[in-house]
PDB file of all heavy atoms in Angstrom:
ATOM      1  N   LEU A   1       7.069  26.808  -5.359  1.00  0.00           N
ATOM      2  CA  LEU A   1       8.376  26.149  -5.278  1.00  0.00           C
ATOM      3  C   LEU A   1       8.459  25.248  -4.050  1.00  0.00           C
ATOM      4  O   LEU A   1       9.042  24.160  -4.102  1.00  0.00           O
ATOM      5  CB  LEU A   1       9.483  27.209  -5.237  1.00  0.00           C
ATOM      6  CG  LEU A   1       9.722  27.994  -6.537  1.00  0.00           C
ATOM      7  CD1 LEU A   1      10.774  29.064  -6.309  1.00  0.00           C
ATOM      8  CD2 LEU A   1      10.140  27.059  -7.653  1.00  0.00           C
ATOM      9  N   ILE A   2       7.874  25.693  -2.935  1.00  0.00           N
ATOM     10  CA  ILE A   2       7.863  24.857  -1.734  1.00  0.00           C
ATOM     11  C   ILE A   2       6.965  23.650  -1.954  1.00  0.00           C
ATOM     12  O   ILE A   2       7.297  22.515  -1.564  1.00  0.00           O
ATOM     13  CB  ILE A   2       7.396  25.676  -0.519  1.00  0.00           C
ATOM     14  CG1 ILE A   2       8.383  26.808  -0.243  1.00  0.00           C
ATOM     15  CG2 ILE A   2       7.252  24.792   0.723  1.00  0.00           C
ATOM     16  CD1 ILE A   2       7.971  27.722   0.893  1.00  0.00           C
ATOM     17  N   GLN A   3       5.823  23.851  -2.580  1.00  0.00           N
ATOM     18  CA  GLN A   3       4.918  22.735  -2.857  1.00  0.00           C
ATOM     19  C   GLN A   3       5.590  21.701  -3.753  1.00  0.00           C
ATOM     20  O   GLN A   3       5.437  20.493  -3.551  1.00  0.00           O
ATOM     21  CB  GLN A   3       3.640  23.268  -3.502  1.00  0.00           C
ATOM     22  CG  GLN A   3       2.827  24.167  -2.584  1.00  0.00           C
ATOM     23  CD  GLN A   3       1.608  24.742  -3.279  1.00  0.00           C
ATOM     24  OE1 GLN A   3       1.326  24.410  -4.418  1.00  0.00           O
ATOM     25  NE2 GLN A   3       0.893  25.604  -2.592  1.00  0.00           N
ATOM     26  N   ALA A   4       6.353  22.176  -4.742  1.00  0.00           N
ATOM     27  CA  ALA A   4       7.059  21.238  -5.618  1.00  0.00           C
ATOM     28  C   ALA A   4       8.058  20.404  -4.828  1.00  0.00           C
ATOM     29  O   ALA A   4       8.185  19.184  -5.043  1.00  0.00           O
ATOM     30  CB  ALA A   4       7.771  22.009  -6.733  1.00  0.00           C
ATOM     31  N   ARG A   5       8.773  21.020  -3.880  1.00  0.00           N
ATOM     32  CA  ARG A   5       9.728  20.266  -3.064  1.00  0.00           C
ATOM     33  C   ARG A   5       9.008  19.253  -2.173  1.00  0.00           C
ATOM     34  O   ARG A   5       9.515  18.154  -1.927  1.00  0.00           O
ATOM     35  CB  ARG A   5      10.554  21.226  -2.203  1.00  0.00           C
ATOM     36  CG  ARG A   5      11.472  22.139  -2.992  1.00  0.00           C
ATOM     37  CD  ARG A   5      12.553  21.341  -3.709  1.00  0.00           C
ATOM     38  NE  ARG A   5      13.509  22.214  -4.366  1.00  0.00           N
ATOM     39  CZ  ARG A   5      13.388  22.683  -5.596  1.00  0.00           C
ATOM     40  NH1 ARG A   5      12.313  22.368  -6.305  1.00  0.00           N
ATOM     41  NH2 ARG A   5      14.298  23.468  -6.130  1.00  0.00           N
ATOM     42  N   LEU A   6       7.828  19.618  -1.683  1.00  0.00           N
ATOM     43  CA  LEU A   6       7.062  18.677  -0.870  1.00  0.00           C
ATOM     44  C   LEU A   6       6.641  17.463  -1.695  1.00  0.00           C
ATOM     45  O   LEU A   6       6.724  16.318  -1.231  1.00  0.00           O
ATOM     46  CB  LEU A   6       5.831  19.371  -0.288  1.00  0.00           C
ATOM     47  CG  LEU A   6       6.075  20.290   0.909  1.00  0.00           C
ATOM     48  CD1 LEU A   6       4.831  21.118   1.213  1.00  0.00           C
ATOM     49  CD2 LEU A   6       6.463  19.474   2.133  1.00  0.00           C
ATOM     50  N   TYR A   7       6.189  17.694  -2.921  1.00  0.00           N
ATOM     51  CA  TYR A   7       5.815  16.577  -3.788  1.00  0.00           C
ATOM     52  C   TYR A   7       7.034  15.712  -4.104  1.00  0.00           C
ATOM     53  O   TYR A   7       6.943  14.473  -4.149  1.00  0.00           O
ATOM     54  CB  TYR A   7       5.193  17.106  -5.078  1.00  0.00           C
ATOM     55  CG  TYR A   7       3.775  17.607  -4.911  1.00  0.00           C
ATOM     56  CD1 TYR A   7       3.421  18.889  -5.315  1.00  0.00           C
ATOM     57  CD2 TYR A   7       2.777  16.810  -4.350  1.00  0.00           C
ATOM     58  CE1 TYR A   7       2.123  19.365  -5.167  1.00  0.00           C
ATOM     59  CE2 TYR A   7       1.491  17.271  -4.200  1.00  0.00           C
ATOM     60  CZ  TYR A   7       1.165  18.553  -4.614  1.00  0.00           C
ATOM     61  OH  TYR A   7      -0.117  19.014  -4.463  1.00  0.00           O
ATOM     62  N   ASP A   8       8.183  16.351  -4.347  1.00  0.00           N
ATOM     63  CA  ASP A   8       9.405  15.581  -4.597  1.00  0.00           C
ATOM     64  C   ASP A   8       9.754  14.718  -3.386  1.00  0.00           C
ATOM     65  O   ASP A   8      10.186  13.559  -3.538  1.00  0.00           O
ATOM     66  CB  ASP A   8      10.575  16.530  -4.888  1.00  0.00           C
ATOM     67  CG  ASP A   8      10.435  17.222  -6.234  1.00  0.00           C
ATOM     68  OD1 ASP A   8       9.658  16.730  -7.079  1.00  0.00           O
ATOM     69  OD2 ASP A   8      11.080  18.272  -6.436  1.00  0.00           O
ATOM     70  N   TYR A   9       9.567  15.259  -2.198  1.00  0.00           N
ATOM     71  CA  TYR A   9       9.862  14.486  -0.989  1.00  0.00           C
ATOM     72  C   TYR A   9       8.932  13.283  -0.871  1.00  0.00           C
ATOM     73  O   TYR A   9       9.372  12.167  -0.561  1.00  0.00           O
ATOM     74  CB  TYR A   9       9.728  15.371   0.250  1.00  0.00           C
ATOM     75  CG  TYR A   9       9.646  14.575   1.532  1.00  0.00           C
ATOM     76  CD1 TYR A   9      10.735  13.867   2.007  1.00  0.00           C
ATOM     77  CD2 TYR A   9       8.456  14.513   2.250  1.00  0.00           C
ATOM     78  CE1 TYR A   9      10.665  13.120   3.157  1.00  0.00           C
ATOM     79  CE2 TYR A   9       8.369  13.764   3.407  1.00  0.00           C
ATOM     80  CZ  TYR A   9       9.468  13.079   3.861  1.00  0.00           C
ATOM     81  OH  TYR A   9       9.379  12.334   5.000  1.00  0.00           O
ATOM     82  N   MET A  10       7.637  13.508  -1.122  1.00  0.00           N
ATOM     83  CA  MET A  10       6.692  12.395  -1.018  1.00  0.00           C
ATOM     84  C   MET A  10       6.985  11.320  -2.057  1.00  0.00           C
ATOM     85  O   MET A  10       6.862  10.122  -1.782  1.00  0.00           O
ATOM     86  CB  MET A  10       5.264  12.916  -1.147  1.00  0.00           C
ATOM     87  CG  MET A  10       4.796  13.688   0.076  1.00  0.00           C
ATOM     88  SD  MET A  10       3.048  14.143   0.020  1.00  0.00           S
ATOM     89  CE  MET A  10       3.119  15.527  -1.102  1.00  0.00           C
ATOM     90  N   ALA A  11       7.394  11.725  -3.266  1.00  0.00           N
ATOM     91  CA  ALA A  11       7.778  10.740  -4.274  1.00  0.00           C
ATOM     92  C   ALA A  11       8.993   9.940  -3.821  1.00  0.00           C
ATOM     93  O   ALA A  11       9.048   8.710  -3.983  1.00  0.00           O
ATOM     94  CB  ALA A  11       8.070  11.445  -5.601  1.00  0.00           C
ATOM     95  N   ALA A  12       9.967  10.605  -3.226  1.00  0.00           N
ATOM     96  CA  ALA A  12      11.156   9.908  -2.718  1.00  0.00           C
ATOM     97  C   ALA A  12      10.791   8.967  -1.577  1.00  0.00           C
ATOM     98  O   ALA A  12      11.367   7.879  -1.447  1.00  0.00           O
ATOM     99  CB  ALA A  12      12.206  10.915  -2.260  1.00  0.00           C
ATOM    100  N   ALA A  13       9.826   9.372  -0.751  1.00  0.00           N
ATOM    101  CA  ALA A  13       9.395   8.501   0.341  1.00  0.00           C
ATOM    102  C   ALA A  13       8.741   7.238  -0.187  1.00  0.00           C
ATOM    103  O   ALA A  13       8.925   6.143   0.367  1.00  0.00           O
ATOM    104  CB  ALA A  13       8.433   9.267   1.254  1.00  0.00           C
ATOM    105  N   HIS A  14       7.985   7.360  -1.273  1.00  0.00           N
ATOM    106  CA  HIS A  14       7.356   6.166  -1.861  1.00  0.00           C
ATOM    107  C   HIS A  14       8.404   5.244  -2.485  1.00  0.00           C
ATOM    108  O   HIS A  14       8.187   4.024  -2.562  1.00  0.00           O
ATOM    109  CB  HIS A  14       6.334   6.582  -2.910  1.00  0.00           C
ATOM    110  CG  HIS A  14       5.123   7.261  -2.330  1.00  0.00           C
ATOM    111  ND1 HIS A  14       4.432   6.745  -1.250  1.00  0.00           N
ATOM    112  CD2 HIS A  14       4.493   8.418  -2.664  1.00  0.00           C
ATOM    113  CE1 HIS A  14       3.419   7.548  -0.956  1.00  0.00           C
ATOM    114  NE2 HIS A  14       3.446   8.572  -1.785  1.00  0.00           N
ATOM    115  N   ARG A  15       9.516   5.822  -2.926  1.00  0.00           N
ATOM    116  CA  ARG A  15      10.577   4.965  -3.485  1.00  0.00           C
ATOM    117  C   ARG A  15      11.235   4.106  -2.410  1.00  0.00           C
ATOM    118  O   ARG A  15      11.862   3.092  -2.737  1.00  0.00           O
ATOM    119  CB  ARG A  15      11.602   5.827  -4.211  1.00  0.00           C
ATOM    120  CG  ARG A  15      11.107   6.359  -5.550  1.00  0.00           C
ATOM    121  CD  ARG A  15      12.240   6.943  -6.384  1.00  0.00           C
ATOM    122  NE  ARG A  15      12.692   8.207  -5.863  1.00  0.00           N
ATOM    123  CZ  ARG A  15      12.184   9.384  -6.199  1.00  0.00           C
ATOM    124  NH1 ARG A  15      11.191   9.453  -7.077  1.00  0.00           N
ATOM    125  NH2 ARG A  15      12.658  10.513  -5.693  1.00  0.00           N
ATOM    126  N   VAL A  16      11.115   4.486  -1.160  1.00  0.00           N
ATOM    127  CA  VAL A  16      11.617   3.637  -0.076  1.00  0.00           C
ATOM    128  C   VAL A  16      10.826   2.337  -0.037  1.00  0.00           C
ATOM    129  O   VAL A  16      11.385   1.236   0.099  1.00  0.00           O
ATOM    130  CB  VAL A  16      11.532   4.371   1.276  1.00  0.00           C
ATOM    131  CG1 VAL A  16      12.000   3.458   2.405  1.00  0.00           C
ATOM    132  CG2 VAL A  16      12.377   5.638   1.251  1.00  0.00           C
ATOM    133  N   ASP A  17       9.500   2.439  -0.157  1.00  0.00           N
ATOM    134  CA  ASP A  17       8.662   1.235  -0.190  1.00  0.00           C
ATOM    135  C   ASP A  17       8.982   0.375  -1.416  1.00  0.00           C
ATOM    136  O   ASP A  17       8.975  -0.861  -1.339  1.00  0.00           O
ATOM    137  CB  ASP A  17       7.190   1.631  -0.203  1.00  0.00           C
ATOM    138  CG  ASP A  17       6.745   2.225   1.121  1.00  0.00           C
ATOM    139  OD1 ASP A  17       7.416   1.950   2.138  1.00  0.00           O
ATOM    140  OD2 ASP A  17       5.745   2.962   1.142  1.00  0.00           O
ATOM    141  N   GLN A  18       9.249   1.043  -2.540  1.00  0.00           N
ATOM    142  CA  GLN A  18       9.590   0.283  -3.739  1.00  0.00           C
ATOM    143  C   GLN A  18      10.877  -0.517  -3.531  1.00  0.00           C
ATOM    144  O   GLN A  18      10.991  -1.659  -3.973  1.00  0.00           O
ATOM    145  CB  GLN A  18       9.766   1.234  -4.924  1.00  0.00           C
ATOM    146  CG  GLN A  18       8.503   1.982  -5.324  1.00  0.00           C
ATOM    147  CD  GLN A  18       8.770   2.980  -6.438  1.00  0.00           C
ATOM    148  OE1 GLN A  18       9.582   2.728  -7.329  1.00  0.00           O
ATOM    149  NE2 GLN A  18       8.104   4.122  -6.384  1.00  0.00           N
ATOM    150  N   ALA A  19      11.854   0.098  -2.862  1.00  0.00           N
ATOM    151  CA  ALA A  19      13.127  -0.592  -2.639  1.00  0.00           C
ATOM    152  C   ALA A  19      12.968  -1.784  -1.710  1.00  0.00           C
ATOM    153  O   ALA A  19      13.667  -2.793  -1.857  1.00  0.00           O
ATOM    154  CB  ALA A  19      14.157   0.389  -2.070  1.00  0.00           C
ATOM    155  N   PHE A  20      12.032  -1.681  -0.747  1.00  0.00           N
ATOM    156  CA  PHE A  20      11.859  -2.776   0.213  1.00  0.00           C
ATOM    157  C   PHE A  20      10.948  -3.876  -0.314  1.00  0.00           C
ATOM    158  O   PHE A  20      10.980  -5.000   0.184  1.00  0.00           O
ATOM    159  CB  PHE A  20      11.273  -2.207   1.508  1.00  0.00           C
ATOM    160  CG  PHE A  20      11.156  -3.212   2.613  1.00  0.00           C
ATOM    161  CD1 PHE A  20      12.282  -3.656   3.294  1.00  0.00           C
ATOM    162  CD2 PHE A  20       9.928  -3.743   2.985  1.00  0.00           C
ATOM    163  CE1 PHE A  20      12.193  -4.588   4.311  1.00  0.00           C
ATOM    164  CE2 PHE A  20       9.822  -4.682   3.999  1.00  0.00           C
ATOM    165  CZ  PHE A  20      10.957  -5.094   4.665  1.00  0.00           C
ATOM    166  N   ALA A  21      10.140  -3.565  -1.338  1.00  0.00           N
ATOM    167  CA  ALA A  21       9.128  -4.504  -1.814  1.00  0.00           C
ATOM    168  C   ALA A  21       9.673  -5.878  -2.209  1.00  0.00           C
ATOM    169  O   ALA A  21       9.006  -6.893  -1.967  1.00  0.00           O
ATOM    170  CB  ALA A  21       8.360  -3.888  -2.984  1.00  0.00           C
ATOM    171  N   PRO A  22      10.861  -6.013  -2.831  1.00  0.00           N
ATOM    172  CA  PRO A  22      11.334  -7.350  -3.220  1.00  0.00           C
ATOM    173  C   PRO A  22      11.491  -8.315  -2.057  1.00  0.00           C
ATOM    174  O   PRO A  22      11.531  -9.531  -2.274  1.00  0.00           O
ATOM    175  CB  PRO A  22      12.688  -7.063  -3.884  1.00  0.00           C
ATOM    176  CG  PRO A  22      12.573  -5.670  -4.389  1.00  0.00           C
ATOM    177  CD  PRO A  22      11.756  -4.959  -3.362  1.00  0.00           C
ATOM    178  N   LEU A  23      11.586  -7.823  -0.843  1.00  0.00           N
ATOM    179  CA  LEU A  23      11.755  -8.704   0.304  1.00  0.00           C
ATOM    180  C   LEU A  23      10.433  -9.265   0.801  1.00  0.00           C
ATOM    181  O   LEU A  23      10.407 -10.154   1.648  1.00  0.00           O
ATOM    182  CB  LEU A  23      12.456  -7.954   1.437  1.00  0.00           C
ATOM    183  CG  LEU A  23      13.312  -8.796   2.400  1.00  0.00           C
ATOM    184  CD1 LEU A  23      14.385  -9.550   1.635  1.00  0.00           C
ATOM    185  CD2 LEU A  23      13.948  -7.904   3.458  1.00  0.00           C
ATOM    186  N   LEU A  24       9.324  -8.776   0.285  1.00  0.00           N
ATOM    187  CA  LEU A  24       8.001  -9.244   0.671  1.00  0.00           C
ATOM    188  C   LEU A  24       7.505 -10.291  -0.317  1.00  0.00           C
ATOM    189  O   LEU A  24       8.017 -10.402  -1.431  1.00  0.00           O
ATOM    190  CB  LEU A  24       7.032  -8.058   0.731  1.00  0.00           C
ATOM    191  CG  LEU A  24       7.415  -6.954   1.728  1.00  0.00           C
ATOM    192  CD1 LEU A  24       6.423  -5.808   1.642  1.00  0.00           C
ATOM    193  CD2 LEU A  24       7.487  -7.501   3.141  1.00  0.00           C
ATOM    194  N   PRO A  25       6.509 -11.098   0.055  1.00  0.00           N
ATOM    195  CA  PRO A  25       6.009 -12.150  -0.855  1.00  0.00           C
ATOM    196  C   PRO A  25       5.505 -11.554  -2.171  1.00  0.00           C
ATOM    197  O   PRO A  25       4.893 -10.480  -2.194  1.00  0.00           O
ATOM    198  CB  PRO A  25       4.876 -12.788  -0.058  1.00  0.00           C
ATOM    199  CG  PRO A  25       5.169 -12.476   1.362  1.00  0.00           C
ATOM    200  CD  PRO A  25       5.831 -11.148   1.367  1.00  0.00           C
ATOM    201  N   GLN A  26       5.758 -12.289  -3.263  1.00  0.00           N
ATOM    202  CA  GLN A  26       5.306 -11.895  -4.586  1.00  0.00           C
ATOM    203  C   GLN A  26       4.276 -12.903  -5.068  1.00  0.00           C
ATOM    204  O   GLN A  26       4.579 -14.086  -5.218  1.00  0.00           O
ATOM    205  CB  GLN A  26       6.491 -11.846  -5.563  1.00  0.00           C
ATOM    206  CG  GLN A  26       7.701 -11.077  -5.043  1.00  0.00           C
ATOM    207  CD  GLN A  26       7.429  -9.602  -4.894  1.00  0.00           C
ATOM    208  OE1 GLN A  26       6.938  -8.966  -5.818  1.00  0.00           O
ATOM    209  NE2 GLN A  26       7.745  -9.049  -3.729  1.00  0.00           N
ATOM    210  N   LEU A  27       3.054 -12.464  -5.286  1.00  0.00           N
ATOM    211  CA  LEU A  27       1.944 -13.348  -5.662  1.00  0.00           C
ATOM    212  C   LEU A  27       1.468 -12.973  -7.052  1.00  0.00           C
ATOM    213  O   LEU A  27       1.149 -11.814  -7.325  1.00  0.00           O
ATOM    214  CB  LEU A  27       0.798 -13.207  -4.659  1.00  0.00           C
ATOM    215  CG  LEU A  27      -0.401 -14.145  -4.847  1.00  0.00           C
ATOM    216  CD1 LEU A  27       0.027 -15.596  -4.639  1.00  0.00           C
ATOM    217  CD2 LEU A  27      -1.525 -13.764  -3.884  1.00  0.00           C
ATOM    218  N   THR A  28       1.423 -13.965  -7.940  1.00  0.00           N
ATOM    219  CA  THR A  28       0.972 -13.739  -9.306  1.00  0.00           C
ATOM    220  C   THR A  28      -0.013 -14.822  -9.710  1.00  0.00           C
ATOM    221  O   THR A  28      -0.023 -15.927  -9.137  1.00  0.00           O
ATOM    222  CB  THR A  28       2.155 -13.720 -10.292  1.00  0.00           C
ATOM    223  OG1 THR A  28       2.824 -14.988 -10.233  1.00  0.00           O
ATOM    224  CG2 THR A  28       3.135 -12.608  -9.967  1.00  0.00           C
ATOM    225  N   GLY A  29      -0.837 -14.522 -10.672  1.00  0.00           N
ATOM    226  CA  GLY A  29      -1.783 -15.495 -11.222  1.00  0.00           C
ATOM    227  C   GLY A  29      -1.700 -15.487 -12.728  1.00  0.00           C
ATOM    228  O   GLY A  29      -1.351 -14.473 -13.341  1.00  0.00           O
ATOM    229  N   GLY A  30      -2.022 -16.614 -13.337  1.00  0.00           N
ATOM    230  CA  GLY A  30      -1.957 -16.678 -14.795  1.00  0.00           C
ATOM    231  C   GLY A  30      -2.801 -17.803 -15.351  1.00  0.00           C
ATOM    232  O   GLY A  30      -3.108 -18.793 -14.658  1.00  0.00           O
TER     233      GLY A  30
END
């Protein structure tokens, strides 16, 4: 149960980067 909460925390921490990502350059190729 503690390990599951730790994984949930790490997933939430990665969502912080996802929220900030739109402010960084977006590079695409086609």
